[in-house]
């Protein structure tokens, strides 16, 4: 048994208000060192925090760790504002990385629906690992997050339109998920693994109270 956040119980996700901090320059995510790592489409990932501090996209379990207590990589120096965003939340983070998602059509995206393995080696009695997204860049403004309770049942689907600055928290071990990004340029987002605890709960509630209350659209 793990501690889970009550605010995530009903839908498995929450949409926060837009990020209201100081503008983050695109130079930070465009200048990062990316690795060829596929997850949910034609993707590359730039690790900011990994299990060992090395440039490594593998799960923390490969190093005998739960997805917590991440260690900054050399990419931190290139993207200090993104690192501060994570540190200012104050919770226990694991994997921190920027995703670069290349364009696809809708059918190809849906075929990539997947769930994450966030809680392998996570000790009972500790916080369930969930993930947050900070959308960084989508020049077309047409990307959508697709979430399903049942992978093969579109009736369980929710779609969330994405835009720069959007903050989103998802239990990605519960929900099947993928982003459909039609392009024409790559889409970038910061993804962070978090242990469910009071700090993260307070951050979610604070960001929901301070921003627009948004809902995804059921099909």
Protein backbone atom coordinates (compact mmCIF):
# COMPACT_ATOMS: atom_id res chain seq x y z
CA UNK A 1 0.00 0.00 0.00
CA UNK A 2 1.16 3.51 -0.85
CA UNK A 3 -0.01 6.95 0.19
CA UNK A 4 -1.99 8.55 -2.64
CA UNK A 5 -3.37 12.07 -2.96
CA UNK A 6 -7.12 12.44 -2.51
CA UNK A 7 -7.19 15.16 -5.15
CA UNK A 8 -6.09 12.60 -7.78
CA UNK A 9 -8.61 9.91 -6.80
CA UNK A 10 -11.59 10.78 -8.99
CA UNK A 11 -10.01 11.25 -12.42
CA UNK A 12 -6.34 10.33 -12.03
CA UNK A 13 -5.24 13.77 -13.22
CA UNK A 14 -5.49 17.45 -12.31
CA UNK A 15 -5.05 20.52 -14.52
CA UNK A 16 -3.40 23.41 -12.73
CA UNK A 17 -3.28 27.09 -13.54
CA UNK A 18 -0.69 28.23 -16.06
CA UNK A 19 2.85 28.77 -14.82
CA UNK A 20 3.11 32.35 -13.60
CA UNK A 21 6.80 32.57 -12.85
CA UNK A 22 9.52 34.35 -14.76
CA UNK A 23 9.60 33.54 -18.46
CA UNK A 24 11.88 30.63 -19.33
CA UNK A 25 13.95 31.19 -22.46
CA UNK A 26 13.59 28.60 -25.25
CA UNK A 27 17.40 28.55 -25.32
CA UNK A 28 17.25 26.42 -22.17
CA UNK A 29 15.38 23.48 -23.70
CA UNK A 30 16.70 23.91 -27.23
CA UNK A 31 20.34 23.79 -26.06
CA UNK A 32 20.03 20.68 -23.89
CA UNK A 33 21.81 17.42 -24.67
CA UNK A 34 19.14 15.00 -25.88
CA UNK A 35 19.23 11.23 -26.04
CA UNK A 36 17.46 8.99 -28.53
CA UNK A 37 14.87 7.41 -26.22
CA UNK A 38 11.44 6.37 -27.47
CA UNK A 39 8.30 6.66 -25.36
CA UNK A 40 4.88 7.50 -26.71
CA UNK A 41 6.02 8.31 -30.24
CA UNK A 42 9.04 9.69 -32.05
CA UNK A 43 10.76 11.14 -29.00
CA UNK A 44 14.09 12.32 -27.64
CA UNK A 45 14.69 13.06 -23.97
CA UNK A 46 17.10 15.41 -22.21
CA UNK A 47 17.69 14.14 -18.64
CA UNK A 48 17.96 16.94 -16.08
CA UNK A 49 17.88 14.57 -13.09
CA UNK A 50 18.54 10.84 -13.21
CA UNK A 51 19.13 8.02 -10.74
CA UNK A 52 22.90 8.60 -10.63
CA UNK A 53 23.43 12.06 -12.08
CA UNK A 54 24.62 10.52 -15.35
CA UNK A 55 22.99 11.14 -18.72
CA UNK A 56 20.66 8.18 -18.41
CA UNK A 57 17.02 7.78 -19.46
CA UNK A 58 16.57 4.32 -17.93
CA UNK A 59 14.26 3.61 -15.02
CA UNK A 60 15.68 4.16 -11.55
CA UNK A 61 15.07 0.47 -10.80
CA UNK A 62 18.02 -0.36 -13.06
CA UNK A 63 20.09 1.19 -10.27
CA UNK A 64 18.15 -0.42 -7.41
CA UNK A 65 16.17 2.75 -6.63
CA UNK A 66 12.58 3.86 -6.62
CA UNK A 67 11.79 6.82 -8.90
CA UNK A 68 12.69 9.33 -6.17
CA UNK A 69 15.72 11.24 -4.94
CA UNK A 70 16.84 12.30 -8.41
CA UNK A 71 20.35 13.67 -8.93
CA UNK A 72 20.99 16.57 -11.32
CA UNK A 73 22.89 15.89 -14.55
CA UNK A 74 25.16 18.23 -16.50
CA UNK A 75 22.04 19.49 -18.29
CA UNK A 76 21.15 21.41 -15.13
CA UNK A 77 23.76 24.05 -16.01
CA UNK A 78 22.14 24.55 -19.40
CA UNK A 79 18.60 24.87 -18.03
CA UNK A 80 18.85 26.54 -14.59
CA UNK A 81 15.33 28.00 -14.76
CA UNK A 82 13.80 24.58 -15.38
CA UNK A 83 15.78 23.19 -12.44
CA UNK A 84 14.59 26.05 -10.21
CA UNK A 85 11.00 25.36 -11.25
CA UNK A 86 11.38 21.81 -9.89
CA UNK A 87 13.29 22.84 -6.77
CA UNK A 88 10.79 25.58 -5.90
CA UNK A 89 7.98 23.02 -5.69
CA UNK A 90 9.94 21.47 -2.83
CA UNK A 91 8.86 17.84 -3.14
CA UNK A 92 10.88 14.67 -3.60
CA UNK A 93 11.53 14.39 -7.33
CA UNK A 94 12.90 11.46 -9.28
CA UNK A 95 13.29 11.57 -13.04
CA UNK A 96 13.33 15.12 -14.42
CA UNK A 97 13.63 15.47 -18.17
CA UNK A 98 12.55 17.47 -21.17
CA UNK A 99 10.73 15.60 -23.91
CA UNK A 100 11.11 16.55 -27.55
CA UNK A 101 8.16 15.04 -29.40
CA UNK A 102 8.18 15.05 -33.17
CA UNK A 103 4.91 15.41 -35.12
CA UNK A 104 2.60 12.49 -35.85
CA UNK A 105 -0.91 11.87 -37.10
CA UNK A 106 -3.74 11.05 -34.73
CA UNK A 107 -3.89 7.32 -35.49
CA UNK A 108 -0.16 6.91 -34.91
CA UNK A 109 -0.43 8.72 -31.59
CA UNK A 110 -3.33 6.57 -30.36
CA UNK A 111 -1.34 3.43 -31.16
CA UNK A 112 1.29 4.70 -28.70
CA UNK A 113 -1.05 4.85 -25.69
CA UNK A 114 0.86 3.49 -22.70
CA UNK A 115 1.08 3.43 -18.93
CA UNK A 116 4.27 4.17 -16.99
CA UNK A 117 6.05 1.92 -14.53
CA UNK A 118 6.54 4.56 -11.83
CA UNK A 119 6.44 2.55 -8.62
CA UNK A 120 8.76 -0.38 -9.13
CA UNK A 121 10.88 -0.77 -5.96
CA UNK A 122 8.77 1.90 -4.25
CA UNK A 123 8.49 0.74 -0.60
CA UNK A 124 5.04 0.14 0.87
CA UNK A 125 3.89 2.90 3.16
CA UNK A 126 5.59 5.65 1.15
CA UNK A 127 4.10 8.07 -1.39
CA UNK A 128 2.83 6.84 -4.76
CA UNK A 129 4.89 8.27 -7.65
CA UNK A 130 2.99 10.52 -10.07
CA UNK A 131 4.19 12.84 -12.83
CA UNK A 132 3.84 16.51 -13.68
CA UNK A 133 4.11 18.26 -17.04
CA UNK A 134 5.05 21.85 -17.76
CA UNK A 135 4.34 22.59 -21.41
CA UNK A 136 7.19 24.59 -22.91
CA UNK A 137 6.63 25.05 -26.62
CA UNK A 138 4.05 24.13 -29.22
CA UNK A 139 4.12 26.62 -32.06
CA UNK A 140 1.00 25.25 -33.72
CA UNK A 141 -1.06 25.20 -30.52
CA UNK A 142 -2.96 22.08 -31.60
CA UNK A 143 -1.42 19.37 -29.40
CA UNK A 144 -3.67 17.36 -27.09
CA UNK A 145 -3.04 15.01 -24.19
CA UNK A 146 -5.10 11.84 -24.65
CA UNK A 147 -5.96 9.97 -21.43
CA UNK A 148 -7.89 6.70 -21.12
CA UNK A 149 -8.91 4.57 -18.16
CA UNK A 150 -9.23 1.63 -20.58
CA UNK A 151 -6.78 1.55 -23.46
CA UNK A 152 -9.23 -0.05 -25.86
CA UNK A 153 -12.35 1.92 -24.89
CA UNK A 154 -12.64 5.43 -26.40
CA UNK A 155 -15.64 6.05 -24.12
CA UNK A 156 -13.20 6.33 -21.20
CA UNK A 157 -11.12 8.95 -23.02
CA UNK A 158 -10.38 12.52 -21.96
CA UNK A 159 -8.60 15.04 -24.20
CA UNK A 160 -6.75 18.03 -22.81
CA UNK A 161 -5.65 20.79 -25.23
CA UNK A 162 -2.06 21.85 -24.60
CA UNK A 163 -0.43 25.27 -24.70
CA UNK A 164 2.84 26.77 -23.40
CA UNK A 165 2.74 27.31 -19.65
CA UNK A 166 0.11 24.65 -18.95
CA UNK A 167 0.78 22.62 -15.79
CA UNK A 168 -0.69 19.15 -15.51
CA UNK A 169 -0.32 16.29 -13.00
CA UNK A 170 -1.18 12.72 -13.98
CA UNK A 171 -1.11 9.32 -12.32
CA UNK A 172 0.50 7.76 -15.37
CA UNK A 173 0.61 4.30 -13.85
CA UNK A 174 -3.19 4.39 -13.66
CA UNK A 175 -4.07 6.13 -16.92
CA UNK A 176 -3.15 5.16 -20.45
CA UNK A 177 -1.77 8.32 -22.01
CA UNK A 178 -0.11 9.85 -25.03
CA UNK A 179 0.22 13.27 -26.64
CA UNK A 180 -0.98 13.78 -30.19
CA UNK A 181 1.19 16.52 -31.65
CA UNK A 182 0.40 17.34 -35.30
CA UNK A 183 3.37 19.70 -35.67
CA UNK A 184 4.82 21.10 -37.83
CA UNK A 185 7.69 21.65 -35.35
CA UNK A 186 8.63 19.54 -32.31
CA UNK A 187 6.76 19.95 -29.03
CA UNK A 188 8.73 20.34 -25.80
CA UNK A 189 7.64 19.75 -22.21
CA UNK A 190 9.26 19.29 -18.80
CA UNK A 191 8.28 15.99 -17.13
CA UNK A 192 8.98 15.36 -13.44
CA UNK A 193 8.32 12.32 -11.26
CA UNK A 194 7.05 13.20 -7.77
CA UNK A 195 6.46 11.27 -4.59
CA UNK A 196 2.89 11.89 -3.40
CA UNK A 197 3.30 13.76 -0.13
CA UNK A 198 1.95 16.82 1.67
CA UNK A 199 4.36 19.15 -0.13
CA UNK A 200 3.18 18.08 -3.57
CA UNK A 201 -0.46 18.08 -2.42
CA UNK A 202 -0.06 21.67 -1.19
CA UNK A 203 1.59 22.72 -4.46
CA UNK A 204 -1.24 21.22 -6.53
CA UNK A 205 -3.92 22.92 -4.44
CA UNK A 206 -2.06 26.23 -4.48
CA UNK A 207 -1.64 26.16 -8.26
CA UNK A 208 -5.27 25.18 -8.79
CA UNK A 209 -6.45 28.02 -6.57
CA UNK A 210 -4.21 30.56 -8.29
CA UNK A 211 -5.03 29.73 -11.88
CA UNK A 212 -7.89 28.90 -14.19
CA UNK A 213 -9.95 25.86 -13.26
CA UNK A 214 -9.79 23.72 -16.37
CA UNK A 215 -11.36 20.41 -17.28
CA UNK A 216 -10.44 17.94 -19.96
CA UNK A 217 -13.11 17.08 -22.53
CA UNK A 218 -14.63 13.61 -22.62
CA UNK A 219 -15.27 12.28 -26.08
